[in-house]
Amino acid sequence: MATFTSKASAVWTSTDSSAWNQAGTPATGDTVTVANGHVMTGIPSFTVSAAVSIGTGNHTFATNATWTVATNGTLSYYSVVVPPNISVTGGTFKIYPTTFNPTSLAITGGTIEVTSSTFNPVVFTHSGNWTIDAKANPTAITLPSLSANTGGTGTWTITNPLNLTLTNDSITTGHAFPNTSGAFSGGGSITTNGNLTIDVSMVHPSTITVATGKTLTINSGITFTIAAGTTPTLTLTGTATLNNLGTITHSGNGWTITGSSTSAVNNLGTFTCSNSATINSPLNLYSNATIVNTTTLGANFVCNILRRSAQLIFAGTKLVNSNQAYGFGGMK
């Protein structure tokens, strides 16, 4: 495959030597670099299956052009002018502008690496397994809400239960992760290898996995629901932590918290665990927690009351355990 490097501002489809370092125009599989400051006009649809870098120029695209990032492709994108349509089916799409608001973004695979502090597609459709990576900007990335036309957010469509991997610190999401019906009924999963803050009321996905040393935070004012008919699992790996500043509530279902002796559930909000639930992690209370009906307290469970006003409330509970000891202490 060929390697194309821009020589100057020009029409992308120029076949002479005015645009590129060689005759012809880039094609699928070619390595392409558009230098910063070079402005390409009339850019057509293109499939990225090698390394492609688009510099900072104010480029123009053909009407309805679609850029596709495919397997083995890496698209490094620096311009504030984005293609009308973007499809990511594999490979890696690296987004560098401070603001990135494409008209249409569709993801069915691959990795989105975001530097943008504003990442707000007008129309966002996605399905299958994909990754959003914050390592290029480890301080903050915000994923907008799924609610259509709320707070400037456009229309979001999920075509399958979402399996999303979030990597590196730190991500705040207003993204409610619905399944095909638009409201969770046990599908989808979140795996976070960085710190994740939930900033929208939502239903617990079927699985959440938090990497060791990282924190999952339910923000103040947010309701995190264990929905009817679901038995989701939260896995706190190693020293991972759940910080609940909002409300964790049930509607008659089990919930398994799998942790270790060094993980922690810190409750600073409202916490209810009920109906065949399992807690196998230390529980630190700064405000009340209620355990209702049959609940299994695992070998790693210990309750620390860390504020005098906090209470651990057992309501009609049958505790199931493996003869482990429960510690209640640390009150301040």
C-alpha atoms as a PDB file:
ATOM      1  CA  MET A   1       0.000   0.000   0.000  1.00  0.00           C
ATOM      2  CA  ALA A   2       1.097   3.580  -0.679  1.00  0.00           C
ATOM      3  CA  THR A   3       2.071   6.384   1.681  1.00  0.00           C
ATOM      4  CA  PHE A   4       0.560   9.810   0.972  1.00  0.00           C
ATOM      5  CA  THR A   5       1.734  13.042   2.612  1.00  0.00           C
ATOM      6  CA  SER A   6       0.172  16.420   1.874  1.00  0.00           C
ATOM      7  CA  LYS A   7       2.363  19.021   0.135  1.00  0.00           C
ATOM      8  CA  ALA A   8       0.055  22.042   0.486  1.00  0.00           C
ATOM      9  CA  SER A   9      -3.563  23.081   0.753  1.00  0.00           C
ATOM     10  CA  ALA A  10      -5.372  21.457  -2.175  1.00  0.00           C
ATOM     11  CA  VAL A  11      -8.330  19.444  -3.416  1.00  0.00           C
ATOM     12  CA  TRP A  12      -8.157  15.954  -1.847  1.00  0.00           C
ATOM     13  CA  THR A  13      -8.961  14.247  -5.140  1.00  0.00           C
ATOM     14  CA  SER A  14      -6.243  16.026  -7.129  1.00  0.00           C
ATOM     15  CA  THR A  15      -4.346  13.435  -9.143  1.00  0.00           C
ATOM     16  CA  ASP A  16      -1.411  15.667 -10.074  1.00  0.00           C
ATOM     17  CA  SER A  17       1.381  16.684  -7.710  1.00  0.00           C
ATOM     18  CA  SER A  18      -0.416  19.707  -6.215  1.00  0.00           C
ATOM     19  CA  ALA A  19      -1.855  17.875  -3.195  1.00  0.00           C
ATOM     20  CA  TRP A  20       0.273  14.847  -2.435  1.00  0.00           C
ATOM     21  CA  ASN A  21       3.871  13.723  -2.460  1.00  0.00           C
ATOM     22  CA  GLN A  22       3.066  11.400  -5.351  1.00  0.00           C
ATOM     23  CA  ALA A  23       0.595  11.083  -8.180  1.00  0.00           C
ATOM     24  CA  GLY A  24      -2.840   9.685  -7.476  1.00  0.00           C
ATOM     25  CA  THR A  25      -5.122   9.962  -4.455  1.00  0.00           C
ATOM     26  CA  PRO A  26      -5.263   7.994  -1.190  1.00  0.00           C
ATOM     27  CA  ALA A  27      -7.242   4.757  -1.161  1.00  0.00           C
ATOM     28  CA  THR A  28      -8.282   2.222   1.464  1.00  0.00           C
ATOM     29  CA  GLY A  29      -5.205   0.636   3.018  1.00  0.00           C
ATOM     30  CA  ASP A  30      -2.933   3.613   2.317  1.00  0.00           C
ATOM     31  CA  THR A  31      -1.063   5.516   5.024  1.00  0.00           C
ATOM     32  CA  VAL A  32      -2.083   9.183   4.871  1.00  0.00           C
ATOM     33  CA  THR A  33      -0.826  12.313   6.630  1.00  0.00           C
ATOM     34  CA  VAL A  34      -2.385  15.749   6.163  1.00  0.00           C
ATOM     35  CA  ALA A  35      -0.008  18.212   7.795  1.00  0.00           C
ATOM     36  CA  ASN A  36      -1.220  20.850  10.243  1.00  0.00           C
ATOM     37  CA  GLY A  37      -2.213  24.000   8.382  1.00  0.00           C
ATOM     38  CA  HIS A  38      -2.820  22.256   5.071  1.00  0.00           C
ATOM     39  CA  VAL A  39      -6.487  22.617   4.123  1.00  0.00           C
ATOM     40  CA  MET A  40      -8.037  19.808   2.104  1.00  0.00           C
ATOM     41  CA  THR A  41     -11.257  20.520   0.209  1.00  0.00           C
ATOM     42  CA  GLY A  42     -13.844  18.201  -1.320  1.00  0.00           C
ATOM     43  CA  ILE A  43     -12.821  15.292   0.895  1.00  0.00           C
ATOM     44  CA  PRO A  44     -14.823  12.198  -0.185  1.00  0.00           C
ATOM     45  CA  SER A  45     -15.915   9.136   1.751  1.00  0.00           C
ATOM     46  CA  PHE A  46     -12.938   7.108   2.941  1.00  0.00           C
ATOM     47  CA  THR A  47     -12.217   3.862   4.803  1.00  0.00           C
ATOM     48  CA  VAL A  48      -9.286   3.935   7.228  1.00  0.00           C
ATOM     49  CA  SER A  49      -7.499   0.585   7.473  1.00  0.00           C
ATOM     50  CA  ALA A  50      -3.962   1.867   8.099  1.00  0.00           C
ATOM     51  CA  ALA A  51      -2.506   4.913   9.888  1.00  0.00           C
ATOM     52  CA  VAL A  52      -4.239   8.139   8.830  1.00  0.00           C
ATOM     53  CA  SER A  53      -3.654  11.561  10.416  1.00  0.00           C
ATOM     54  CA  ILE A  54      -5.784  14.600   9.592  1.00  0.00           C
ATOM     55  CA  GLY A  55      -4.210  17.884  10.678  1.00  0.00           C
ATOM     56  CA  THR A  56      -5.671  21.081  12.080  1.00  0.00           C
ATOM     57  CA  GLY A  57      -6.831  22.741   8.843  1.00  0.00           C
ATOM     58  CA  ASN A  58     -10.422  23.889   8.273  1.00  0.00           C
ATOM     59  CA  HIS A  59     -11.154  21.154   5.777  1.00  0.00           C
ATOM     60  CA  THR A  60     -14.323  20.696   3.736  1.00  0.00           C
ATOM     61  CA  PHE A  61     -16.042  17.418   2.961  1.00  0.00           C
ATOM     62  CA  ALA A  62     -18.200  16.217   0.114  1.00  0.00           C
ATOM     63  CA  THR A  63     -21.907  16.229   0.899  1.00  0.00           C
ATOM     64  CA  ASN A  64     -22.860  13.225   3.065  1.00  0.00           C
ATOM     65  CA  ALA A  65     -19.301  11.882   3.029  1.00  0.00           C
ATOM     66  CA  THR A  66     -18.740   8.989   5.448  1.00  0.00           C
ATOM     67  CA  TRP A  67     -15.416   8.208   7.056  1.00  0.00           C
ATOM     68  CA  THR A  68     -15.129   4.649   8.348  1.00  0.00           C
ATOM     69  CA  VAL A  69     -12.493   3.453  10.814  1.00  0.00           C
ATOM     70  CA  ALA A  70     -12.045  -0.260  10.171  1.00  0.00           C
ATOM     71  CA  THR A  71      -9.977  -3.133  11.572  1.00  0.00           C
ATOM     72  CA  ASN A  72      -6.225  -2.341  11.611  1.00  0.00           C
ATOM     73  CA  GLY A  73      -6.973   1.338  11.018  1.00  0.00           C
ATOM     74  CA  THR A  74      -5.931   4.246  13.249  1.00  0.00           C
ATOM     75  CA  LEU A  75      -7.455   7.639  12.528  1.00  0.00           C
ATOM     76  CA  SER A  76      -5.784  10.524  14.390  1.00  0.00           C
ATOM     77  CA  TYR A  77      -8.055  13.511  13.958  1.00  0.00           C
ATOM     78  CA  TYR A  78      -6.965  17.070  14.883  1.00  0.00           C
ATOM     79  CA  SER A  79      -9.309  19.327  12.893  1.00  0.00           C
ATOM     80  CA  VAL A  80     -12.338  21.050  14.424  1.00  0.00           C
ATOM     81  CA  VAL A  81     -14.156  20.350  11.134  1.00  0.00           C
ATOM     82  CA  VAL A  82     -15.480  16.804  11.233  1.00  0.00           C
ATOM     83  CA  PRO A  83     -16.810  14.508   8.497  1.00  0.00           C
ATOM     84  CA  PRO A  84     -20.619  14.572   8.063  1.00  0.00           C
ATOM     85  CA  ASN A  85     -20.805  10.888   8.998  1.00  0.00           C
ATOM     86  CA  ILE A  86     -18.365   8.777  11.001  1.00  0.00           C
ATOM     87  CA  SER A  87     -18.540   5.003  11.391  1.00  0.00           C
ATOM     88  CA  VAL A  88     -16.214   3.053  13.671  1.00  0.00           C
ATOM     89  CA  THR A  89     -16.305  -0.690  13.045  1.00  0.00           C
ATOM     90  CA  GLY A  90     -12.857  -1.556  14.413  1.00  0.00           C
ATOM     91  CA  GLY A  91      -9.406  -0.111  14.874  1.00  0.00           C
ATOM     92  CA  THR A  92      -8.842   3.114  16.844  1.00  0.00           C
ATOM     93  CA  PHE A  93     -10.306   6.588  16.378  1.00  0.00           C
ATOM     94  CA  LYS A  94      -8.219   9.213  18.209  1.00  0.00           C
ATOM     95  CA  ILE A  95     -10.049  12.511  18.734  1.00  0.00           C
ATOM     96  CA  TYR A  96      -7.864  15.519  19.575  1.00  0.00           C
ATOM     97  CA  PRO A  97      -9.905  18.756  19.200  1.00  0.00           C
ATOM     98  CA  THR A  98     -11.147  20.344  22.440  1.00  0.00           C
ATOM     99  CA  THR A  99     -14.707  20.100  21.115  1.00  0.00           C
ATOM    100  CA  PHE A 100     -15.899  17.206  18.982  1.00  0.00           C
ATOM    101  CA  ASN A 101     -19.574  17.302  17.952  1.00  0.00           C
ATOM    102  CA  PRO A 102     -20.091  15.241  14.776  1.00  0.00           C
ATOM    103  CA  THR A 103     -23.450  15.229  13.021  1.00  0.00           C
ATOM    104  CA  SER A 104     -23.576  11.428  12.964  1.00  0.00           C
ATOM    105  CA  LEU A 105     -21.366   8.915  14.793  1.00  0.00           C
ATOM    106  CA  ALA A 106     -21.996   5.161  14.595  1.00  0.00           C
ATOM    107  CA  ILE A 107     -19.927   2.651  16.577  1.00  0.00           C
ATOM    108  CA  THR A 108     -20.096  -1.124  16.314  1.00  0.00           C
ATOM    109  CA  GLY A 109     -16.573  -1.976  17.473  1.00  0.00           C
ATOM    110  CA  GLY A 110     -13.098  -0.678  18.035  1.00  0.00           C
ATOM    111  CA  THR A 111     -11.820   2.014  20.381  1.00  0.00           C
ATOM    112  CA  ILE A 112     -12.630   5.713  20.682  1.00  0.00           C
ATOM    113  CA  GLU A 113      -9.754   7.586  22.323  1.00  0.00           C
ATOM    114  CA  VAL A 114     -11.014  11.001  23.407  1.00  0.00           C
ATOM    115  CA  THR A 115      -9.091  14.111  24.364  1.00  0.00           C
ATOM    116  CA  SER A 116     -12.139  16.325  23.886  1.00  0.00           C
ATOM    117  CA  SER A 117     -13.722  17.685  27.043  1.00  0.00           C
ATOM    118  CA  THR A 118     -16.903  18.116  24.965  1.00  0.00           C
ATOM    119  CA  PHE A 119     -17.890  14.933  23.159  1.00  0.00           C
ATOM    120  CA  ASN A 120     -21.467  15.373  22.002  1.00  0.00           C
ATOM    121  CA  PRO A 121     -22.564  13.754  18.722  1.00  0.00           C
ATOM    122  CA  VAL A 122     -25.866  15.040  17.346  1.00  0.00           C
ATOM    123  CA  VAL A 123     -26.911  11.510  16.356  1.00  0.00           C
ATOM    124  CA  PHE A 124     -25.110   8.636  18.061  1.00  0.00           C
ATOM    125  CA  THR A 125     -25.915   5.016  17.195  1.00  0.00           C
ATOM    126  CA  HIS A 126     -24.023   2.093  18.611  1.00  0.00           C
ATOM    127  CA  SER A 127     -24.180  -1.624  19.270  1.00  0.00           C
ATOM    128  CA  GLY A 128     -21.975  -4.538  20.195  1.00  0.00           C
ATOM    129  CA  ASN A 129     -18.718  -4.264  22.131  1.00  0.00           C
ATOM    130  CA  TRP A 130     -16.615  -1.129  22.022  1.00  0.00           C
ATOM    131  CA  THR A 131     -14.221   0.891  24.157  1.00  0.00           C
ATOM    132  CA  ILE A 132     -13.864   4.536  25.082  1.00  0.00           C
ATOM    133  CA  ASP A 133     -10.387   5.427  26.278  1.00  0.00           C
ATOM    134  CA  ALA A 134      -9.554   8.564  28.256  1.00  0.00           C
ATOM    135  CA  LYS A 135      -5.821   8.084  28.458  1.00  0.00           C
ATOM    136  CA  ALA A 136      -5.062  11.003  26.164  1.00  0.00           C
ATOM    137  CA  ASN A 137      -6.746  13.307  28.679  1.00  0.00           C
ATOM    138  CA  PRO A 138      -6.483  11.704  32.106  1.00  0.00           C
ATOM    139  CA  THR A 139      -8.170  14.532  34.020  1.00  0.00           C
ATOM    140  CA  ALA A 140     -11.739  14.585  32.720  1.00  0.00           C
ATOM    141  CA  ILE A 141     -13.978  13.324  29.975  1.00  0.00           C
ATOM    142  CA  THR A 142     -17.742  13.717  29.966  1.00  0.00           C
ATOM    143  CA  LEU A 143     -20.017  11.438  27.990  1.00  0.00           C
ATOM    144  CA  PRO A 144     -23.322  13.221  27.383  1.00  0.00           C
ATOM    145  CA  SER A 145     -26.761  12.023  28.362  1.00  0.00           C
ATOM    146  CA  LEU A 146     -28.771   9.619  26.245  1.00  0.00           C
ATOM    147  CA  SER A 147     -31.896  11.764  26.628  1.00  0.00           C
ATOM    148  CA  ALA A 148     -32.794  13.198  23.241  1.00  0.00           C
ATOM    149  CA  ASN A 149     -32.679  16.971  22.898  1.00  0.00           C
ATOM    150  CA  THR A 150     -31.965  17.595  26.569  1.00  0.00           C
ATOM    151  CA  GLY A 151     -29.287  20.073  27.492  1.00  0.00           C
ATOM    152  CA  GLY A 152     -28.125  20.275  23.904  1.00  0.00           C
ATOM    153  CA  THR A 153     -27.754  16.524  23.533  1.00  0.00           C
ATOM    154  CA  GLY A 154     -28.967  14.984  20.322  1.00  0.00           C
ATOM    155  CA  THR A 155     -30.640  11.670  19.519  1.00  0.00           C
ATOM    156  CA  TRP A 156     -29.056   8.457  20.808  1.00  0.00           C
ATOM    157  CA  THR A 157     -29.920   4.963  19.589  1.00  0.00           C
ATOM    158  CA  ILE A 158     -28.856   1.636  21.039  1.00  0.00           C
ATOM    159  CA  THR A 159     -29.401  -1.306  18.724  1.00  0.00           C
ATOM    160  CA  ASN A 160     -28.221  -3.997  21.134  1.00  0.00           C
ATOM    161  CA  PRO A 161     -27.516  -4.211  24.864  1.00  0.00           C
ATOM    162  CA  LEU A 162     -24.371  -2.215  25.385  1.00  0.00           C
ATOM    163  CA  ASN A 163     -21.087  -3.776  26.434  1.00  0.00           C
ATOM    164  CA  LEU A 164     -18.824  -0.844  27.144  1.00  0.00           C
ATOM    165  CA  THR A 165     -15.236  -0.755  28.350  1.00  0.00           C
ATOM    166  CA  LEU A 166     -14.017   2.503  29.875  1.00  0.00           C
ATOM    167  CA  THR A 167     -10.281   2.896  30.310  1.00  0.00           C
ATOM    168  CA  ASN A 168      -8.140   5.294  32.331  1.00  0.00           C
ATOM    169  CA  ASP A 169      -8.954   8.209  34.645  1.00  0.00           C
ATOM    170  CA  SER A 170     -11.410   9.760  34.784  1.00  0.00           C
ATOM    171  CA  ILE A 171     -14.801   9.632  33.147  1.00  0.00           C
ATOM    172  CA  THR A 172     -18.121  11.141  34.147  1.00  0.00           C
ATOM    173  CA  THR A 173     -21.097   9.755  32.326  1.00  0.00           C
ATOM    174  CA  GLY A 174     -24.628  10.947  31.928  1.00  0.00           C
ATOM    175  CA  HIS A 175     -25.055   7.935  29.680  1.00  0.00           C
ATOM    176  CA  ALA A 176     -27.783   5.627  30.923  1.00  0.00           C
ATOM    177  CA  PHE A 177     -26.742   2.486  28.989  1.00  0.00           C
ATOM    178  CA  PRO A 178     -30.200   1.266  27.889  1.00  0.00           C
ATOM    179  CA  ASN A 179     -30.905  -1.925  26.016  1.00  0.00           C
ATOM    180  CA  THR A 180     -32.962  -2.314  22.859  1.00  0.00           C
ATOM    181  CA  SER A 181     -36.158  -1.061  24.483  1.00  0.00           C
ATOM    182  CA  GLY A 182     -34.491   2.096  25.720  1.00  0.00           C
ATOM    183  CA  ALA A 183     -34.679   1.089  29.376  1.00  0.00           C
ATOM    184  CA  PHE A 184     -32.593  -1.521  31.094  1.00  0.00           C
ATOM    185  CA  SER A 185     -33.942  -4.998  31.641  1.00  0.00           C
ATOM    186  CA  GLY A 186     -30.716  -6.704  32.552  1.00  0.00           C
ATOM    187  CA  GLY A 187     -28.672  -6.342  29.375  1.00  0.00           C
ATOM    188  CA  GLY A 188     -25.302  -4.745  28.832  1.00  0.00           C
ATOM    189  CA  SER A 189     -22.198  -4.311  30.922  1.00  0.00           C
ATOM    190  CA  ILE A 190     -19.669  -1.730  32.028  1.00  0.00           C
ATOM    191  CA  THR A 191     -16.005  -2.527  32.624  1.00  0.00           C
ATOM    192  CA  THR A 192     -14.016   0.417  33.953  1.00  0.00           C
ATOM    193  CA  ASN A 193     -10.244   0.420  34.216  1.00  0.00           C
ATOM    194  CA  GLY A 194     -10.358   4.040  35.416  1.00  0.00           C
ATOM    195  CA  ASN A 195     -12.483   6.098  37.776  1.00  0.00           C
ATOM    196  CA  LEU A 196     -16.119   6.302  36.669  1.00  0.00           C
ATOM    197  CA  THR A 197     -18.756   8.718  37.976  1.00  0.00           C
ATOM    198  CA  ILE A 198     -22.425   8.040  37.233  1.00  0.00           C
ATOM    199  CA  ASP A 199     -24.207  11.365  36.817  1.00  0.00           C
ATOM    200  CA  VAL A 200     -27.596  10.265  35.531  1.00  0.00           C
ATOM    201  CA  SER A 201     -30.292   8.169  37.214  1.00  0.00           C
ATOM    202  CA  MET A 202     -30.169   4.748  35.604  1.00  0.00           C
ATOM    203  CA  VAL A 203     -30.728   1.037  36.020  1.00  0.00           C
ATOM    204  CA  HIS A 204     -27.816  -1.193  37.004  1.00  0.00           C
ATOM    205  CA  PRO A 205     -26.435  -3.032  33.947  1.00  0.00           C
ATOM    206  CA  SER A 206     -26.209  -6.791  34.162  1.00  0.00           C
ATOM    207  CA  THR A 207     -22.543  -6.536  35.185  1.00  0.00           C
ATOM    208  CA  ILE A 208     -20.217  -3.801  36.369  1.00  0.00           C
ATOM    209  CA  THR A 209     -16.531  -4.500  36.924  1.00  0.00           C
ATOM    210  CA  VAL A 210     -14.262  -1.926  38.591  1.00  0.00           C
ATOM    211  CA  ALA A 211     -10.490  -2.345  38.328  1.00  0.00           C
ATOM    212  CA  THR A 212      -8.319  -2.495  41.419  1.00  0.00           C
ATOM    213  CA  GLY A 213      -7.409   0.895  42.843  1.00  0.00           C
ATOM    214  CA  LYS A 214     -10.259   2.602  40.976  1.00  0.00           C
ATOM    215  CA  THR A 215     -13.545   4.108  42.137  1.00  0.00           C
ATOM    216  CA  LEU A 216     -17.135   3.908  40.929  1.00  0.00           C
ATOM    217  CA  THR A 217     -19.094   6.892  42.247  1.00  0.00           C
ATOM    218  CA  ILE A 218     -22.878   7.361  42.263  1.00  0.00           C
ATOM    219  CA  ASN A 219     -23.267  11.131  42.395  1.00  0.00           C
ATOM    220  CA  SER A 220     -25.460  13.026  44.849  1.00  0.00           C
ATOM    221  CA  GLY A 221     -29.058  13.252  43.639  1.00  0.00           C
ATOM    222  CA  ILE A 222     -28.668  10.217  41.373  1.00  0.00           C
ATOM    223  CA  THR A 223     -30.807   7.077  41.721  1.00  0.00           C
ATOM    224  CA  PHE A 224     -29.192   3.767  40.818  1.00  0.00           C
ATOM    225  CA  THR A 225     -31.916   1.125  40.517  1.00  0.00           C
ATOM    226  CA  ILE A 226     -31.775  -2.655  40.771  1.00  0.00           C
ATOM    227  CA  ALA A 227     -34.716  -3.278  38.443  1.00  0.00           C
ATOM    228  CA  ALA A 228     -37.452  -5.894  38.444  1.00  0.00           C
ATOM    229  CA  GLY A 229     -36.444  -9.219  36.969  1.00  0.00           C
ATOM    230  CA  THR A 230     -32.701  -8.577  37.163  1.00  0.00           C
ATOM    231  CA  THR A 231     -29.961 -10.042  39.335  1.00  0.00           C
ATOM    232  CA  PRO A 232     -26.990  -7.875  38.408  1.00  0.00           C
ATOM    233  CA  THR A 233     -23.427  -8.217  39.668  1.00  0.00           C
ATOM    234  CA  LEU A 234     -20.996  -5.543  40.808  1.00  0.00           C
ATOM    235  CA  THR A 235     -17.401  -6.767  40.984  1.00  0.00           C
ATOM    236  CA  LEU A 236     -14.941  -4.691  43.012  1.00  0.00           C
ATOM    237  CA  THR A 237     -11.525  -6.016  42.037  1.00  0.00           C
ATOM    238  CA  GLY A 238      -8.709  -5.833  44.578  1.00  0.00           C
ATOM    239  CA  THR A 239      -8.835  -2.394  46.241  1.00  0.00           C
ATOM    240  CA  ALA A 240     -11.670  -1.059  44.061  1.00  0.00           C
ATOM    241  CA  THR A 241     -14.287   1.139  45.768  1.00  0.00           C
ATOM    242  CA  LEU A 242     -17.969   1.974  45.346  1.00  0.00           C
ATOM    243  CA  ASN A 243     -18.815   5.450  46.659  1.00  0.00           C
ATOM    244  CA  ASN A 244     -22.563   5.988  46.932  1.00  0.00           C
ATOM    245  CA  LEU A 245     -23.483   9.639  47.340  1.00  0.00           C
ATOM    246  CA  GLY A 246     -26.923   9.177  45.826  1.00  0.00           C
ATOM    247  CA  THR A 247     -29.603   6.487  46.194  1.00  0.00           C
ATOM    248  CA  ILE A 248     -29.216   2.790  45.504  1.00  0.00           C
ATOM    249  CA  THR A 249     -32.661   1.250  45.484  1.00  0.00           C
ATOM    250  CA  HIS A 250     -34.337  -2.085  44.705  1.00  0.00           C
ATOM    251  CA  SER A 251     -37.642  -3.137  43.263  1.00  0.00           C
ATOM    252  CA  GLY A 252     -37.746  -6.682  44.563  1.00  0.00           C
ATOM    253  CA  ASN A 253     -34.574  -8.187  43.159  1.00  0.00           C
ATOM    254  CA  GLY A 254     -31.256  -9.665  44.139  1.00  0.00           C
ATOM    255  CA  TRP A 255     -27.933  -7.924  43.722  1.00  0.00           C
ATOM    256  CA  THR A 256     -24.480  -9.461  44.137  1.00  0.00           C
ATOM    257  CA  ILE A 257     -21.576  -7.309  45.303  1.00  0.00           C
ATOM    258  CA  THR A 258     -18.412  -9.343  44.818  1.00  0.00           C
ATOM    259  CA  GLY A 259     -15.384  -7.849  46.506  1.00  0.00           C
ATOM    260  CA  SER A 260     -12.350  -8.661  48.575  1.00  0.00           C
ATOM    261  CA  SER A 261     -11.138  -7.896  52.071  1.00  0.00           C
ATOM    262  CA  THR A 262      -9.437  -4.769  50.650  1.00  0.00           C
ATOM    263  CA  SER A 263     -12.345  -3.465  48.567  1.00  0.00           C
ATOM    264  CA  ALA A 264     -14.951  -1.120  50.052  1.00  0.00           C
ATOM    265  CA  VAL A 265     -18.521   0.063  49.691  1.00  0.00           C
ATOM    266  CA  ASN A 266     -18.717   3.580  51.148  1.00  0.00           C
ATOM    267  CA  ASN A 267     -22.279   4.735  51.739  1.00  0.00           C
ATOM    268  CA  LEU A 268     -22.788   8.474  52.091  1.00  0.00           C
ATOM    269  CA  GLY A 269     -26.290   8.422  50.627  1.00  0.00           C
ATOM    270  CA  THR A 270     -29.213   5.984  50.730  1.00  0.00           C
ATOM    271  CA  PHE A 271     -28.373   2.295  50.375  1.00  0.00           C
ATOM    272  CA  THR A 272     -30.812  -0.616  50.278  1.00  0.00           C
ATOM    273  CA  CYS A 273     -29.887  -4.239  49.681  1.00  0.00           C
ATOM    274  CA  SER A 274     -32.722  -6.737  49.516  1.00  0.00           C
ATOM    275  CA  ASN A 275     -34.254  -9.982  48.289  1.00  0.00           C
ATOM    276  CA  SER A 276     -31.613 -12.662  47.802  1.00  0.00           C
ATOM    277  CA  ALA A 277     -28.850 -10.093  47.624  1.00  0.00           C
ATOM    278  CA  THR A 278     -25.239 -10.907  48.446  1.00  0.00           C
ATOM    279  CA  ILE A 279     -22.696  -8.521  49.984  1.00  0.00           C
ATOM    280  CA  ASN A 280     -19.151  -9.810  49.989  1.00  0.00           C
ATOM    281  CA  SER A 281     -17.165  -6.636  50.633  1.00  0.00           C
ATOM    282  CA  PRO A 282     -16.544  -4.347  53.613  1.00  0.00           C
ATOM    283  CA  LEU A 283     -19.355  -1.828  54.097  1.00  0.00           C
ATOM    284  CA  ASN A 284     -18.441   1.607  55.495  1.00  0.00           C
ATOM    285  CA  LEU A 285     -21.390   3.663  56.686  1.00  0.00           C
ATOM    286  CA  TYR A 286     -21.477   7.443  56.838  1.00  0.00           C
ATOM    287  CA  SER A 287     -25.279   7.302  56.543  1.00  0.00           C
ATOM    288  CA  ASN A 288     -27.935   4.617  56.946  1.00  0.00           C
ATOM    289  CA  ALA A 289     -27.947   1.336  55.047  1.00  0.00           C
ATOM    290  CA  THR A 290     -30.910  -1.038  55.062  1.00  0.00           C
ATOM    291  CA  ILE A 291     -30.737  -4.780  54.476  1.00  0.00           C
ATOM    292  CA  VAL A 292     -34.128  -6.325  53.747  1.00  0.00           C
ATOM    293  CA  ASN A 293     -35.299  -9.938  53.442  1.00  0.00           C
ATOM    294  CA  THR A 294     -32.972 -12.868  52.725  1.00  0.00           C
ATOM    295  CA  THR A 295     -29.457 -11.513  52.283  1.00  0.00           C
ATOM    296  CA  THR A 296     -26.146 -13.355  52.168  1.00  0.00           C
ATOM    297  CA  LEU A 297     -23.246 -11.689  53.942  1.00  0.00           C
ATOM    298  CA  GLY A 298     -20.052 -13.135  52.510  1.00  0.00           C
ATOM    299  CA  ALA A 299     -16.732 -13.906  54.138  1.00  0.00           C
ATOM    300  CA  ASN A 300     -15.354 -10.455  53.257  1.00  0.00           C
ATOM    301  CA  PHE A 301     -18.268  -8.562  54.795  1.00  0.00           C
ATOM    302  CA  VAL A 302     -17.572  -6.300  57.728  1.00  0.00           C
ATOM    303  CA  CYS A 303     -19.594  -3.224  58.650  1.00  0.00           C
ATOM    304  CA  ASN A 304     -17.821  -0.098  59.919  1.00  0.00           C
ATOM    305  CA  ILE A 305     -20.034   2.646  61.346  1.00  0.00           C
ATOM    306  CA  LEU A 306     -18.005   5.764  60.614  1.00  0.00           C
ATOM    307  CA  ARG A 307     -20.498   8.447  61.616  1.00  0.00           C
ATOM    308  CA  ARG A 308     -22.503   8.441  64.855  1.00  0.00           C
ATOM    309  CA  SER A 309     -25.780   9.177  63.072  1.00  0.00           C
ATOM    310  CA  ALA A 310     -25.360   6.231  60.690  1.00  0.00           C
ATOM    311  CA  GLN A 311     -27.212   2.965  61.259  1.00  0.00           C
ATOM    312  CA  LEU A 312     -27.191  -0.485  59.739  1.00  0.00           C
ATOM    313  CA  ILE A 313     -30.862  -1.466  59.670  1.00  0.00           C
ATOM    314  CA  PHE A 314     -32.039  -5.063  59.338  1.00  0.00           C
ATOM    315  CA  ALA A 315     -35.694  -5.172  58.232  1.00  0.00           C
ATOM    316  CA  GLY A 316     -37.346  -8.585  58.306  1.00  0.00           C
ATOM    317  CA  THR A 317     -34.014 -10.057  57.321  1.00  0.00           C
ATOM    318  CA  LYS A 318     -32.848 -13.614  57.330  1.00  0.00           C
ATOM    319  CA  LEU A 319     -29.069 -13.485  57.177  1.00  0.00           C
ATOM    320  CA  VAL A 320     -27.263 -16.266  55.370  1.00  0.00           C
ATOM    321  CA  ASN A 321     -23.565 -16.695  56.010  1.00  0.00           C
ATOM    322  CA  SER A 322     -20.678 -19.097  56.177  1.00  0.00           C
ATOM    323  CA  ASN A 323     -20.011 -18.777  59.922  1.00  0.00           C
ATOM    324  CA  GLN A 324     -17.812 -15.729  59.360  1.00  0.00           C
ATOM    325  CA  ALA A 325     -17.519 -13.042  62.020  1.00  0.00           C
ATOM    326  CA  TYR A 326     -19.029  -9.610  61.445  1.00  0.00           C
ATOM    327  CA  GLY A 327     -17.241  -6.583  62.811  1.00  0.00           C
ATOM    328  CA  PHE A 328     -18.982  -3.358  63.690  1.00  0.00           C
ATOM    329  CA  GLY A 329     -16.590  -0.587  64.559  1.00  0.00           C
ATOM    330  CA  GLY A 330     -14.718   2.537  63.694  1.00  0.00           C
ATOM    331  CA  MET A 331     -17.440   4.928  64.830  1.00  0.00           C
ATOM    332  CA  LYS A 332     -16.532   8.625  64.770  1.00  0.00           C
END
